């Protein structure tokens, strides 16, 4: 049966606060209800009520290791975990009001955002959602890394991420695969954390980045495994990459109906697929099931 549901927003405002991983700057994030059809948009309240950045792929900046957006000179940074929480919970319309550019890192996952959103609940709206339905195969490749979208027979959103660190067996090859729904997102992805190899962290610290972040704030992998931390899932690294993928594909502005598979994909490749999906399929209107 074709996929139709009413759009959702949140029932009441709710806030999350913390410090940005990259900047170290304190930030308050308040999620607010928004009208049907308005989508997800960030508002930089420190810059004024009109400093708005819609969560759309055309506003993405090409920066390494995270997803940043810019519109009319207004920037928001490291938005993928916030967007993953909203998309994973099927929240279509929301204002994300922030007091600084970078979102709080929290524990490197989407848990804090999901818990906050769940605490106020979802409110159904009177307008149908318009899913982005993949009707033919699309593949984007860069070297050995690739990402592809294929039609789904069961009218749902499927994600598979293959992670491969052949020179770092402590992470090695991992696969995360699931059908995305609010239930599976909460249970399987929301708590999965950002990870970094110790040598990568050392290189970033030498550049003056993330100097305040400790191994308790994310997964730092040394020679023998996580430093001063424990895994929540055996394949937590692959699951986190799947979480990032859900957040990056939320930049289509639509709930996706299709199968997404990725191998060593980056935020850049994820965004390239999001852009291609919008170009090809955003205006494809599925037929309603007959009564």
Protein backbone atom coordinates (compact mmCIF):
# COMPACT_ATOMS: atom_id res chain seq x y z
CA UNK A 1 0.00 0.00 0.00
CA UNK A 2 1.41 3.46 -0.81
CA UNK A 3 2.84 5.39 2.10
CA UNK A 4 0.63 8.16 3.45
CA UNK A 5 0.53 9.75 6.88
CA UNK A 6 -0.31 13.14 8.29
CA UNK A 7 2.52 15.55 9.01
CA UNK A 8 3.79 15.96 12.56
CA UNK A 9 5.18 18.73 14.72
CA UNK A 10 5.86 18.74 18.48
CA UNK A 11 3.21 19.49 21.06
CA UNK A 12 5.22 22.02 23.12
CA UNK A 13 8.61 23.75 23.09
CA UNK A 14 11.50 21.91 24.70
CA UNK A 15 15.19 22.77 25.12
CA UNK A 16 18.57 21.02 25.11
CA UNK A 17 21.81 22.78 26.01
CA UNK A 18 25.50 21.96 25.99
CA UNK A 19 28.80 22.75 24.33
CA UNK A 20 29.83 22.42 20.70
CA UNK A 21 32.49 19.77 20.03
CA UNK A 22 34.42 21.94 17.59
CA UNK A 23 33.98 25.44 19.02
CA UNK A 24 33.59 24.64 22.71
CA UNK A 25 30.91 27.33 22.79
CA UNK A 26 27.87 26.97 25.04
CA UNK A 27 24.58 26.81 23.13
CA UNK A 28 20.90 26.47 23.96
CA UNK A 29 18.67 24.72 21.45
CA UNK A 30 14.91 25.10 21.73
CA UNK A 31 12.65 22.96 19.57
CA UNK A 32 9.35 24.72 18.84
CA UNK A 33 6.13 23.64 17.10
CA UNK A 34 5.78 24.81 13.49
CA UNK A 35 2.89 24.94 11.00
CA UNK A 36 2.19 22.12 8.56
CA UNK A 37 4.19 22.44 5.37
CA UNK A 38 6.87 24.69 6.90
CA UNK A 39 9.54 22.00 7.31
CA UNK A 40 12.56 22.17 9.59
CA UNK A 41 14.34 25.49 9.97
CA UNK A 42 17.04 26.79 12.26
CA UNK A 43 16.81 30.28 13.72
CA UNK A 44 19.96 31.94 15.10
CA UNK A 45 18.39 33.89 17.94
CA UNK A 46 21.76 35.38 18.84
CA UNK A 47 21.65 37.13 15.44
CA UNK A 48 17.95 38.08 15.50
CA UNK A 49 14.54 36.52 14.73
CA UNK A 50 15.01 36.72 10.94
CA UNK A 51 18.36 34.88 10.90
CA UNK A 52 16.88 31.69 9.48
CA UNK A 53 18.45 28.64 7.80
CA UNK A 54 16.06 26.10 6.22
CA UNK A 55 17.28 22.52 6.61
CA UNK A 56 17.68 21.89 2.90
CA UNK A 57 20.55 20.38 0.95
CA UNK A 58 21.01 23.47 -1.22
CA UNK A 59 22.22 25.31 1.89
CA UNK A 60 24.91 22.76 2.82
CA UNK A 61 28.52 23.94 3.15
CA UNK A 62 31.34 21.64 2.05
CA UNK A 63 33.27 21.12 5.30
CA UNK A 64 34.96 17.94 6.58
CA UNK A 65 33.60 15.54 9.21
CA UNK A 66 30.25 17.27 9.84
CA UNK A 67 27.21 18.92 8.24
CA UNK A 68 27.02 22.72 8.26
CA UNK A 69 24.42 24.93 6.58
CA UNK A 70 24.41 28.54 5.45
CA UNK A 71 21.67 30.81 4.09
CA UNK A 72 22.07 34.54 3.41
CA UNK A 73 25.24 34.65 5.48
CA UNK A 74 23.70 32.86 8.49
CA UNK A 75 25.39 29.59 9.49
CA UNK A 76 24.52 26.63 11.70
CA UNK A 77 27.03 23.87 12.33
CA UNK A 78 27.09 20.13 13.04
CA UNK A 79 23.36 19.79 12.51
CA UNK A 80 23.28 16.12 11.50
CA UNK A 81 22.44 14.69 14.94
CA UNK A 82 19.59 17.16 15.45
CA UNK A 83 18.21 16.43 11.98
CA UNK A 84 18.54 12.68 12.53
CA UNK A 85 16.47 12.93 15.73
CA UNK A 86 13.71 14.90 13.99
CA UNK A 87 13.65 12.64 10.91
CA UNK A 88 13.90 9.46 12.97
CA UNK A 89 10.86 10.49 15.03
CA UNK A 90 8.95 11.56 11.88
CA UNK A 91 8.74 15.22 12.96
CA UNK A 92 8.17 17.10 9.71
CA UNK A 93 7.78 20.68 10.94
CA UNK A 94 9.83 22.31 13.68
CA UNK A 95 11.66 25.54 14.46
CA UNK A 96 15.08 24.87 15.96
CA UNK A 97 16.01 28.10 17.76
CA UNK A 98 19.69 28.30 18.76
CA UNK A 99 21.88 30.79 20.62
CA UNK A 100 25.11 29.99 18.76
CA UNK A 101 26.22 28.48 15.46
CA UNK A 102 27.23 24.97 16.56
CA UNK A 103 24.77 22.42 17.97
CA UNK A 104 25.66 20.88 21.35
CA UNK A 105 27.73 17.72 21.05
CA UNK A 106 26.15 16.14 24.17
CA UNK A 107 27.47 12.55 24.18
CA UNK A 108 28.08 12.44 20.42
CA UNK A 109 24.73 10.84 19.63
CA UNK A 110 21.12 11.95 19.12
CA UNK A 111 19.94 10.67 22.52
CA UNK A 112 19.57 14.04 24.25
CA UNK A 113 17.51 15.42 21.38
CA UNK A 114 15.29 12.33 21.16
CA UNK A 115 14.68 12.33 24.90
CA UNK A 116 13.72 16.01 24.84
CA UNK A 117 11.38 15.59 21.87
CA UNK A 118 9.79 12.51 23.39
CA UNK A 119 9.19 14.41 26.63
CA UNK A 120 6.79 16.82 24.89
CA UNK A 121 5.32 14.42 22.36
CA UNK A 122 4.37 14.61 18.70
CA UNK A 123 1.27 16.44 17.50
CA UNK A 124 -0.38 15.29 14.30
CA UNK A 125 -1.28 17.97 11.77
CA UNK A 126 -4.04 18.11 9.20
CA UNK A 127 -1.89 17.96 6.09
CA UNK A 128 -0.58 14.81 4.43
CA UNK A 129 3.16 14.26 4.17
CA UNK A 130 4.66 14.06 0.70
CA UNK A 131 7.32 11.35 0.79
CA UNK A 132 10.23 11.27 -1.61
CA UNK A 133 9.77 7.97 -3.38
CA UNK A 134 12.80 6.38 -5.06
CA UNK A 135 11.55 4.91 -8.36
CA UNK A 136 14.87 3.99 -10.00
CA UNK A 137 18.42 3.20 -8.92
CA UNK A 138 20.85 6.03 -8.22
CA UNK A 139 24.52 5.53 -7.33
CA UNK A 140 27.25 8.03 -6.46
CA UNK A 141 30.87 6.95 -6.06
CA UNK A 142 34.12 8.58 -5.01
CA UNK A 143 37.11 6.26 -5.14
CA UNK A 144 36.26 3.15 -3.13
CA UNK A 145 33.41 4.90 -1.30
CA UNK A 146 29.87 4.83 -2.65
CA UNK A 147 26.23 5.38 -1.79
CA UNK A 148 23.15 4.24 -3.66
CA UNK A 149 19.37 4.44 -3.53
CA UNK A 150 17.00 1.82 -4.87
CA UNK A 151 13.20 1.42 -4.89
CA UNK A 152 11.65 -0.30 -1.87
CA UNK A 153 9.01 -2.97 -2.40
CA UNK A 154 7.41 -2.44 1.01
CA UNK A 155 6.98 1.36 0.89
CA UNK A 156 9.38 2.05 3.75
CA UNK A 157 12.77 3.67 4.45
CA UNK A 158 15.66 1.22 4.68
CA UNK A 159 19.27 2.10 5.52
CA UNK A 160 22.42 -0.02 5.37
CA UNK A 161 25.87 1.34 6.15
CA UNK A 162 29.09 -0.63 5.67
CA UNK A 163 32.05 0.73 7.59
CA UNK A 164 35.56 -0.51 6.73
CA UNK A 165 38.81 0.37 8.49
CA UNK A 166 41.20 -2.25 7.00
CA UNK A 167 44.25 -0.69 8.67
CA UNK A 168 42.56 -0.31 12.04
CA UNK A 169 41.28 -3.74 13.11
CA UNK A 170 40.02 -2.36 16.43
CA UNK A 171 37.15 -0.96 14.30
CA UNK A 172 37.53 -3.14 11.20
CA UNK A 173 34.55 -3.97 9.00
CA UNK A 174 31.09 -3.32 10.44
CA UNK A 175 27.58 -3.28 8.99
CA UNK A 176 24.45 -1.60 10.34
CA UNK A 177 21.13 -2.26 8.62
CA UNK A 178 17.58 -1.38 9.63
CA UNK A 179 14.17 -0.21 8.50
CA UNK A 180 13.86 3.31 9.90
CA UNK A 181 10.82 4.12 12.04
CA UNK A 182 10.43 6.05 15.29
CA UNK A 183 10.62 2.78 17.22
CA UNK A 184 13.73 1.42 15.49
CA UNK A 185 15.46 4.80 15.50
CA UNK A 186 15.03 5.14 19.28
CA UNK A 187 16.14 1.56 19.91
CA UNK A 188 18.85 1.00 17.31
CA UNK A 189 20.44 4.33 16.33
CA UNK A 190 19.67 7.27 18.64
CA UNK A 191 22.27 6.40 21.30
CA UNK A 192 25.13 5.57 18.90
CA UNK A 193 28.01 7.99 19.31
CA UNK A 194 30.53 9.87 17.22
CA UNK A 195 33.86 8.09 17.13
CA UNK A 196 37.41 9.09 16.30
CA UNK A 197 40.77 7.35 16.22
CA UNK A 198 43.33 8.55 18.74
CA UNK A 199 45.75 9.68 16.03
CA UNK A 200 42.96 11.66 14.33
CA UNK A 201 42.08 13.32 17.63
CA UNK A 202 45.74 14.22 18.23
CA UNK A 203 45.93 15.83 14.77
CA UNK A 204 42.78 17.89 15.40
CA UNK A 205 44.00 19.04 18.82
CA UNK A 206 47.24 20.24 17.19
CA UNK A 207 45.04 22.39 14.95
CA UNK A 208 43.29 23.80 18.01
CA UNK A 209 40.06 21.86 17.38
CA UNK A 210 38.09 19.99 20.03
CA UNK A 211 40.64 20.73 22.74
CA UNK A 212 37.97 20.60 25.47
CA UNK A 213 36.51 17.23 24.40
CA UNK A 214 37.35 14.21 26.57
CA UNK A 215 36.99 10.45 25.94
CA UNK A 216 33.80 10.61 28.03
CA UNK A 217 32.18 12.89 25.43
CA UNK A 218 32.44 10.48 22.47
CA UNK A 219 34.16 7.26 21.43
CA UNK A 220 37.93 7.71 21.24
CA UNK A 221 39.59 4.58 19.86
CA UNK A 222 43.08 3.70 20.99
CA UNK A 223 45.09 0.61 20.09
CA UNK A 224 43.01 -1.67 22.32
CA UNK A 225 39.54 -0.16 21.94
CA UNK A 226 37.57 2.77 23.37
CA UNK A 227 39.58 4.89 25.81
CA UNK A 228 37.84 5.36 29.19
CA UNK A 229 34.54 4.33 27.65
CA UNK A 230 32.48 1.30 26.65
CA UNK A 231 30.59 0.41 23.49
CA UNK A 232 26.79 0.45 23.57
CA UNK A 233 26.62 -1.92 20.59
CA UNK A 234 29.31 -4.15 19.09
CA UNK A 235 28.84 -2.30 15.78
CA UNK A 236 28.22 1.13 17.32
CA UNK A 237 30.52 2.86 14.83
CA UNK A 238 28.53 1.59 11.82
CA UNK A 239 25.28 2.45 13.59
CA UNK A 240 26.49 5.99 14.18
CA UNK A 241 27.31 6.33 10.48
CA UNK A 242 23.76 5.16 9.73
CA UNK A 243 22.48 7.82 12.16
CA UNK A 244 24.52 10.46 10.32
CA UNK A 245 23.09 9.20 7.03
CA UNK A 246 19.52 9.60 8.29
CA UNK A 247 20.36 13.16 9.37
CA UNK A 248 22.05 14.07 6.09
CA UNK A 249 19.20 12.66 3.99
CA UNK A 250 16.76 14.75 6.05
CA UNK A 251 18.15 17.64 3.98
CA UNK A 252 15.87 16.44 1.17
CA UNK A 253 13.05 17.97 3.23
CA UNK A 254 11.05 14.77 2.80
CA UNK A 255 10.61 11.37 4.36
CA UNK A 256 12.28 8.90 2.01
CA UNK A 257 10.65 5.76 0.68
CA UNK A 258 13.43 3.59 -0.66
CA UNK A 259 16.49 1.49 0.15
CA UNK A 260 19.71 3.39 0.87
CA UNK A 261 23.00 1.48 0.94
CA UNK A 262 26.39 3.04 1.62
CA UNK A 263 29.99 1.86 1.78
CA UNK A 264 32.45 4.14 3.59
CA UNK A 265 30.30 7.10 2.66
CA UNK A 266 31.03 10.60 3.99
CA UNK A 267 28.81 13.58 4.80
CA UNK A 268 29.80 14.92 1.38
CA UNK A 269 28.64 11.78 -0.45
CA UNK A 270 25.47 11.61 1.66
CA UNK A 271 24.65 15.19 0.67
CA UNK A 272 25.40 14.48 -2.97
CA UNK A 273 22.84 11.67 -2.88
CA UNK A 274 20.32 13.91 -1.08
CA UNK A 275 20.71 16.51 -3.82
CA UNK A 276 20.30 13.92 -6.57
CA UNK A 277 17.20 12.45 -4.90
CA UNK A 278 15.60 15.89 -4.72
CA UNK A 279 16.41 16.55 -8.38
CA UNK A 280 15.04 13.24 -9.58
CA UNK A 281 12.21 12.33 -7.25
CA UNK A 282 10.98 15.24 -5.10
CA UNK A 283 8.13 15.98 -7.49
CA UNK A 284 7.08 12.35 -7.96
CA UNK A 285 3.58 12.12 -6.47
CA UNK A 286 2.57 8.55 -5.61
CA UNK A 287 -0.94 7.39 -6.44
CA UNK A 288 -3.29 6.86 -3.52
CA UNK A 289 -4.52 3.38 -2.88
CA UNK A 290 -8.00 2.75 -4.16
CA UNK A 291 -10.72 2.56 -1.54
